[in-house]
């Protein structure tokens, strides 16, 4: 029986689209490709788990592309404002909470984005959460999931884990969670409702 819903944030409860973010910020394909290569191929994982500070991210970018100082600082100072809440999904989270499900967050997220989302009310229906910048671990590391289970005394077999990343889903499934891979964030309500109905049978 599912008692708890464990949610990713990016592309589940809010948007996180680096390609679109870079286009919105710069609208220059050369700059977009250059900054994507520096930051979003692998370095962002280090930012998520607080292994690299914002200042260090800027420093690393300027070492690789000193001619892009202005654009690098703009990206690192403004990117969180291009992460938007998906209100219909938050409304459904509230509905699930009202039905009595425990609502928990398990997210790879840097501190500046966590602050931005908290200020905008993303966590108001969460009963708890584990965040990569605090724990210095990221999904799909099994230990990251276990922190959540242990901290809130949850049984994985009573939890539905929802994420947009197949590797994160596979790790959760290995640990005994029920899982939902969300291919389209705007199908969150429909897909979650349908799966919860199936799991009742």
C-alpha atoms as a PDB file:
ATOM      1  CA  UNK A   1       0.000   0.000   0.000  1.00  0.00           C
ATOM      2  CA  UNK A   2       1.341   3.399  -0.997  1.00  0.00           C
ATOM      3  CA  UNK A   3       1.480   5.782   1.954  1.00  0.00           C
ATOM      4  CA  UNK A   4       4.078   8.278   0.721  1.00  0.00           C
ATOM      5  CA  UNK A   5       4.918  10.136  -2.472  1.00  0.00           C
ATOM      6  CA  UNK A   6       8.617  10.937  -2.977  1.00  0.00           C
ATOM      7  CA  UNK A   7       9.173  13.631  -5.571  1.00  0.00           C
ATOM      8  CA  UNK A   8      12.003  14.939  -7.643  1.00  0.00           C
ATOM      9  CA  UNK A   9      11.820  18.689  -8.310  1.00  0.00           C
ATOM     10  CA  UNK A  10      13.245  19.476 -11.761  1.00  0.00           C
ATOM     11  CA  UNK A  11      10.806  18.645 -14.560  1.00  0.00           C
ATOM     12  CA  UNK A  12       8.388  17.243 -11.998  1.00  0.00           C
ATOM     13  CA  UNK A  13       7.357  20.225  -9.841  1.00  0.00           C
ATOM     14  CA  UNK A  14       9.160  22.937 -11.766  1.00  0.00           C
ATOM     15  CA  UNK A  15      10.896  23.443 -15.075  1.00  0.00           C
ATOM     16  CA  UNK A  16      14.606  22.816 -15.528  1.00  0.00           C
ATOM     17  CA  UNK A  17      15.581  23.144 -19.174  1.00  0.00           C
ATOM     18  CA  UNK A  18      19.190  24.293 -19.625  1.00  0.00           C
ATOM     19  CA  UNK A  19      18.854  24.653 -23.410  1.00  0.00           C
ATOM     20  CA  UNK A  20      15.827  26.927 -23.102  1.00  0.00           C
ATOM     21  CA  UNK A  21      17.380  28.783 -20.172  1.00  0.00           C
ATOM     22  CA  UNK A  22      20.506  29.583 -22.179  1.00  0.00           C
ATOM     23  CA  UNK A  23      18.472  30.684 -25.182  1.00  0.00           C
ATOM     24  CA  UNK A  24      16.289  32.932 -23.039  1.00  0.00           C
ATOM     25  CA  UNK A  25      19.355  34.467 -21.416  1.00  0.00           C
ATOM     26  CA  UNK A  26      21.536  34.974 -24.496  1.00  0.00           C
ATOM     27  CA  UNK A  27      19.720  34.137 -27.756  1.00  0.00           C
ATOM     28  CA  UNK A  28      23.087  33.436 -29.370  1.00  0.00           C
ATOM     29  CA  UNK A  29      23.744  29.860 -30.455  1.00  0.00           C
ATOM     30  CA  UNK A  30      27.525  30.119 -30.144  1.00  0.00           C
ATOM     31  CA  UNK A  31      27.375  31.429 -26.572  1.00  0.00           C
ATOM     32  CA  UNK A  32      24.696  28.881 -25.679  1.00  0.00           C
ATOM     33  CA  UNK A  33      26.759  25.957 -26.975  1.00  0.00           C
ATOM     34  CA  UNK A  34      29.908  27.221 -25.276  1.00  0.00           C
ATOM     35  CA  UNK A  35      28.286  27.659 -21.864  1.00  0.00           C
ATOM     36  CA  UNK A  36      26.346  24.406 -22.134  1.00  0.00           C
ATOM     37  CA  UNK A  37      29.622  22.584 -22.742  1.00  0.00           C
ATOM     38  CA  UNK A  38      31.269  24.192 -19.723  1.00  0.00           C
ATOM     39  CA  UNK A  39      28.448  23.827 -17.230  1.00  0.00           C
ATOM     40  CA  UNK A  40      25.819  21.292 -18.191  1.00  0.00           C
ATOM     41  CA  UNK A  41      27.809  18.357 -19.542  1.00  0.00           C
ATOM     42  CA  UNK A  42      29.052  17.305 -16.084  1.00  0.00           C
ATOM     43  CA  UNK A  43      30.067  20.258 -13.865  1.00  0.00           C
ATOM     44  CA  UNK A  44      26.492  20.987 -12.755  1.00  0.00           C
ATOM     45  CA  UNK A  45      26.408  17.740 -10.757  1.00  0.00           C
ATOM     46  CA  UNK A  46      29.225  19.133  -8.624  1.00  0.00           C
ATOM     47  CA  UNK A  47      27.258  22.323  -8.094  1.00  0.00           C
ATOM     48  CA  UNK A  48      24.192  20.302  -7.098  1.00  0.00           C
ATOM     49  CA  UNK A  49      26.081  18.546  -4.330  1.00  0.00           C
ATOM     50  CA  UNK A  50      27.818  21.690  -3.089  1.00  0.00           C
ATOM     51  CA  UNK A  51      31.259  20.445  -4.079  1.00  0.00           C
ATOM     52  CA  UNK A  52      31.699  23.646  -6.101  1.00  0.00           C
ATOM     53  CA  UNK A  53      30.470  27.081  -4.960  1.00  0.00           C
ATOM     54  CA  UNK A  54      28.876  29.674  -7.209  1.00  0.00           C
ATOM     55  CA  UNK A  55      32.101  31.692  -7.085  1.00  0.00           C
ATOM     56  CA  UNK A  56      34.071  28.617  -8.110  1.00  0.00           C
ATOM     57  CA  UNK A  57      31.628  27.918 -10.940  1.00  0.00           C
ATOM     58  CA  UNK A  58      32.268  31.420 -12.248  1.00  0.00           C
ATOM     59  CA  UNK A  59      36.022  30.971 -11.847  1.00  0.00           C
ATOM     60  CA  UNK A  60      35.989  27.645 -13.722  1.00  0.00           C
ATOM     61  CA  UNK A  61      33.952  29.158 -16.526  1.00  0.00           C
ATOM     62  CA  UNK A  62      36.277  32.124 -16.884  1.00  0.00           C
ATOM     63  CA  UNK A  63      39.319  29.853 -17.021  1.00  0.00           C
ATOM     64  CA  UNK A  64      37.772  28.046 -19.975  1.00  0.00           C
ATOM     65  CA  UNK A  65      36.248  31.082 -21.679  1.00  0.00           C
ATOM     66  CA  UNK A  66      37.731  34.323 -20.320  1.00  0.00           C
ATOM     67  CA  UNK A  67      36.075  36.284 -23.108  1.00  0.00           C
ATOM     68  CA  UNK A  68      32.674  35.274 -21.669  1.00  0.00           C
ATOM     69  CA  UNK A  69      33.031  36.827 -18.210  1.00  0.00           C
ATOM     70  CA  UNK A  70      29.869  38.925 -18.589  1.00  0.00           C
ATOM     71  CA  UNK A  71      27.775  36.006 -19.855  1.00  0.00           C
ATOM     72  CA  UNK A  72      29.113  33.571 -17.246  1.00  0.00           C
ATOM     73  CA  UNK A  73      28.259  35.920 -14.380  1.00  0.00           C
ATOM     74  CA  UNK A  74      24.828  36.547 -15.877  1.00  0.00           C
ATOM     75  CA  UNK A  75      24.137  32.819 -16.111  1.00  0.00           C
ATOM     76  CA  UNK A  76      25.213  32.051 -12.562  1.00  0.00           C
ATOM     77  CA  UNK A  77      23.391  35.042 -11.069  1.00  0.00           C
ATOM     78  CA  UNK A  78      20.145  34.765 -13.019  1.00  0.00           C
ATOM     79  CA  UNK A  79      19.588  31.088 -13.849  1.00  0.00           C
ATOM     80  CA  UNK A  80      17.255  30.393 -10.914  1.00  0.00           C
ATOM     81  CA  UNK A  81      14.785  32.938 -12.276  1.00  0.00           C
ATOM     82  CA  UNK A  82      14.352  30.675 -15.302  1.00  0.00           C
ATOM     83  CA  UNK A  83      13.193  27.800 -13.090  1.00  0.00           C
ATOM     84  CA  UNK A  84       9.417  28.102 -12.955  1.00  0.00           C
ATOM     85  CA  UNK A  85       6.907  26.344 -10.728  1.00  0.00           C
ATOM     86  CA  UNK A  86       4.430  24.105 -12.546  1.00  0.00           C
ATOM     87  CA  UNK A  87       1.365  25.274 -10.677  1.00  0.00           C
ATOM     88  CA  UNK A  88      -0.970  22.503 -11.794  1.00  0.00           C
ATOM     89  CA  UNK A  89       1.466  19.924 -10.430  1.00  0.00           C
ATOM     90  CA  UNK A  90       1.739  21.727  -7.102  1.00  0.00           C
ATOM     91  CA  UNK A  91      -2.053  21.817  -6.935  1.00  0.00           C
ATOM     92  CA  UNK A  92      -2.122  18.049  -7.344  1.00  0.00           C
ATOM     93  CA  UNK A  93       0.556  17.648  -4.670  1.00  0.00           C
ATOM     94  CA  UNK A  94      -1.714  19.605  -2.342  1.00  0.00           C
ATOM     95  CA  UNK A  95      -4.567  17.259  -3.294  1.00  0.00           C
ATOM     96  CA  UNK A  96      -2.421  14.209  -2.508  1.00  0.00           C
ATOM     97  CA  UNK A  97      -1.423  15.753   0.810  1.00  0.00           C
ATOM     98  CA  UNK A  98      -5.072  16.417   1.630  1.00  0.00           C
ATOM     99  CA  UNK A  99      -5.846  12.754   0.860  1.00  0.00           C
ATOM    100  CA  UNK A 100      -3.378  11.763   3.556  1.00  0.00           C
ATOM    101  CA  UNK A 101      -0.291  10.801   1.591  1.00  0.00           C
ATOM    102  CA  UNK A 102       3.050  11.771   3.071  1.00  0.00           C
ATOM    103  CA  UNK A 103       4.828  14.144   0.672  1.00  0.00           C
ATOM    104  CA  UNK A 104       8.620  14.043   0.551  1.00  0.00           C
ATOM    105  CA  UNK A 105      11.215  15.614  -1.729  1.00  0.00           C
ATOM    106  CA  UNK A 106      14.443  13.960  -2.910  1.00  0.00           C
ATOM    107  CA  UNK A 107      16.284  16.362  -5.166  1.00  0.00           C
ATOM    108  CA  UNK A 108      19.612  17.121  -6.777  1.00  0.00           C
ATOM    109  CA  UNK A 109      19.541  20.881  -6.269  1.00  0.00           C
ATOM    110  CA  UNK A 110      22.004  23.680  -5.494  1.00  0.00           C
ATOM    111  CA  UNK A 111      21.366  25.981  -2.575  1.00  0.00           C
ATOM    112  CA  UNK A 112      20.512  29.076  -4.606  1.00  0.00           C
ATOM    113  CA  UNK A 113      17.733  27.224  -6.422  1.00  0.00           C
ATOM    114  CA  UNK A 114      16.416  25.715  -3.171  1.00  0.00           C
ATOM    115  CA  UNK A 115      16.159  29.218  -1.687  1.00  0.00           C
ATOM    116  CA  UNK A 116      14.406  30.532  -4.803  1.00  0.00           C
ATOM    117  CA  UNK A 117      11.862  27.709  -4.790  1.00  0.00           C
ATOM    118  CA  UNK A 118      11.265  27.965  -1.048  1.00  0.00           C
ATOM    119  CA  UNK A 119      10.543  31.660  -1.406  1.00  0.00           C
ATOM    120  CA  UNK A 120       8.019  30.781  -4.114  1.00  0.00           C
ATOM    121  CA  UNK A 121       6.200  28.201  -2.000  1.00  0.00           C
ATOM    122  CA  UNK A 122       7.268  24.948  -3.610  1.00  0.00           C
ATOM    123  CA  UNK A 123       7.812  23.140  -0.306  1.00  0.00           C
ATOM    124  CA  UNK A 124       4.670  24.202   1.554  1.00  0.00           C
ATOM    125  CA  UNK A 125       2.992  20.784   1.306  1.00  0.00           C
ATOM    126  CA  UNK A 126       6.135  18.713   1.888  1.00  0.00           C
ATOM    127  CA  UNK A 127       6.391  16.676   5.080  1.00  0.00           C
ATOM    128  CA  UNK A 128      10.128  16.445   4.633  1.00  0.00           C
ATOM    129  CA  UNK A 129      12.931  16.499   2.119  1.00  0.00           C
ATOM    130  CA  UNK A 130      16.527  15.597   1.408  1.00  0.00           C
ATOM    131  CA  UNK A 131      18.551  17.920  -0.810  1.00  0.00           C
ATOM    132  CA  UNK A 132      21.872  17.316  -2.492  1.00  0.00           C
ATOM    133  CA  UNK A 133      23.480  20.611  -1.515  1.00  0.00           C
ATOM    134  CA  UNK A 134      22.934  19.756   2.173  1.00  0.00           C
ATOM    135  CA  UNK A 135      24.013  16.111   2.018  1.00  0.00           C
ATOM    136  CA  UNK A 136      26.761  16.465  -0.607  1.00  0.00           C
ATOM    137  CA  UNK A 137      25.347  13.443  -2.395  1.00  0.00           C
ATOM    138  CA  UNK A 138      23.223  13.164  -5.522  1.00  0.00           C
ATOM    139  CA  UNK A 139      20.899  10.659  -7.125  1.00  0.00           C
ATOM    140  CA  UNK A 140      21.366   7.913  -8.201  1.00  0.00           C
ATOM    141  CA  UNK A 141      23.697   7.261  -5.230  1.00  0.00           C
ATOM    142  CA  UNK A 142      21.862   4.681  -3.090  1.00  0.00           C
ATOM    143  CA  UNK A 143      23.058   6.393   0.082  1.00  0.00           C
ATOM    144  CA  UNK A 144      21.151   9.543  -0.860  1.00  0.00           C
ATOM    145  CA  UNK A 145      17.858   7.628  -0.978  1.00  0.00           C
ATOM    146  CA  UNK A 146      18.692   5.854   2.271  1.00  0.00           C
ATOM    147  CA  UNK A 147      19.137   9.189   4.051  1.00  0.00           C
ATOM    148  CA  UNK A 148      15.520   9.988   3.214  1.00  0.00           C
ATOM    149  CA  UNK A 149      14.248   6.577   4.317  1.00  0.00           C
ATOM    150  CA  UNK A 150      16.167   6.649   7.586  1.00  0.00           C
ATOM    151  CA  UNK A 151      15.531  10.274   8.489  1.00  0.00           C
ATOM    152  CA  UNK A 152      11.761  10.000   8.121  1.00  0.00           C
ATOM    153  CA  UNK A 153      11.457   6.312   9.046  1.00  0.00           C
ATOM    154  CA  UNK A 154       9.939   5.417   5.690  1.00  0.00           C
ATOM    155  CA  UNK A 155       9.539   1.966   4.171  1.00  0.00           C
ATOM    156  CA  UNK A 156      10.504   2.022   0.502  1.00  0.00           C
ATOM    157  CA  UNK A 157       7.772  -0.517  -0.276  1.00  0.00           C
ATOM    158  CA  UNK A 158       5.197   2.049   0.882  1.00  0.00           C
ATOM    159  CA  UNK A 159       6.614   4.871  -1.248  1.00  0.00           C
ATOM    160  CA  UNK A 160       5.997   5.959  -4.828  1.00  0.00           C
ATOM    161  CA  UNK A 161       9.077   7.704  -6.229  1.00  0.00           C
ATOM    162  CA  UNK A 162       8.557  10.058  -9.177  1.00  0.00           C
ATOM    163  CA  UNK A 163      11.461  11.376 -11.261  1.00  0.00           C
ATOM    164  CA  UNK A 164      12.266  12.314 -14.853  1.00  0.00           C
ATOM    165  CA  UNK A 165      15.648  10.535 -14.980  1.00  0.00           C
ATOM    166  CA  UNK A 166      15.740   6.796 -15.830  1.00  0.00           C
ATOM    167  CA  UNK A 167      18.941   6.231 -13.795  1.00  0.00           C
ATOM    168  CA  UNK A 168      17.321   7.715 -10.697  1.00  0.00           C
ATOM    169  CA  UNK A 169      14.227   5.577 -11.248  1.00  0.00           C
ATOM    170  CA  UNK A 170      16.305   2.415 -11.587  1.00  0.00           C
ATOM    171  CA  UNK A 171      18.165   3.139  -8.342  1.00  0.00           C
ATOM    172  CA  UNK A 172      14.894   3.708  -6.495  1.00  0.00           C
ATOM    173  CA  UNK A 173      13.398   0.528  -7.908  1.00  0.00           C
ATOM    174  CA  UNK A 174      16.466  -1.431  -6.800  1.00  0.00           C
ATOM    175  CA  UNK A 175      15.916  -0.131  -3.263  1.00  0.00           C
ATOM    176  CA  UNK A 176      12.307  -1.299  -3.273  1.00  0.00           C
ATOM    177  CA  UNK A 177      10.370   1.853  -4.165  1.00  0.00           C
ATOM    178  CA  UNK A 178       7.411   1.835  -6.490  1.00  0.00           C
ATOM    179  CA  UNK A 179       8.383   4.189  -9.301  1.00  0.00           C
ATOM    180  CA  UNK A 180       6.999   6.451 -11.987  1.00  0.00           C
ATOM    181  CA  UNK A 181       9.257   7.770 -14.756  1.00  0.00           C
ATOM    182  CA  UNK A 182       7.802  11.100 -15.784  1.00  0.00           C
ATOM    183  CA  UNK A 183       8.527  11.734 -19.463  1.00  0.00           C
ATOM    184  CA  UNK A 184       6.381  14.860 -19.590  1.00  0.00           C
ATOM    185  CA  UNK A 185       6.011  17.074 -16.503  1.00  0.00           C
ATOM    186  CA  UNK A 186       2.591  18.194 -17.711  1.00  0.00           C
ATOM    187  CA  UNK A 187       1.308  14.613 -17.493  1.00  0.00           C
ATOM    188  CA  UNK A 188       2.199  14.446 -13.777  1.00  0.00           C
ATOM    189  CA  UNK A 189      -1.372  14.587 -12.490  1.00  0.00           C
ATOM    190  CA  UNK A 190      -2.753  12.094 -15.004  1.00  0.00           C
ATOM    191  CA  UNK A 191       0.131   9.614 -14.730  1.00  0.00           C
ATOM    192  CA  UNK A 192       0.307   9.741 -10.937  1.00  0.00           C
ATOM    193  CA  UNK A 193      -3.441   9.365 -10.486  1.00  0.00           C
ATOM    194  CA  UNK A 194      -3.554   6.407 -12.887  1.00  0.00           C
ATOM    195  CA  UNK A 195      -0.652   4.600 -11.215  1.00  0.00           C
ATOM    196  CA  UNK A 196      -2.034   5.121  -7.720  1.00  0.00           C
ATOM    197  CA  UNK A 197      -5.332   3.633  -8.903  1.00  0.00           C
ATOM    198  CA  UNK A 198      -3.505   0.615 -10.373  1.00  0.00           C
ATOM    199  CA  UNK A 199      -1.564   0.062  -7.171  1.00  0.00           C
ATOM    200  CA  UNK A 200      -4.777  -0.042  -5.141  1.00  0.00           C
ATOM    201  CA  UNK A 201      -5.855  -3.211  -6.961  1.00  0.00           C
END
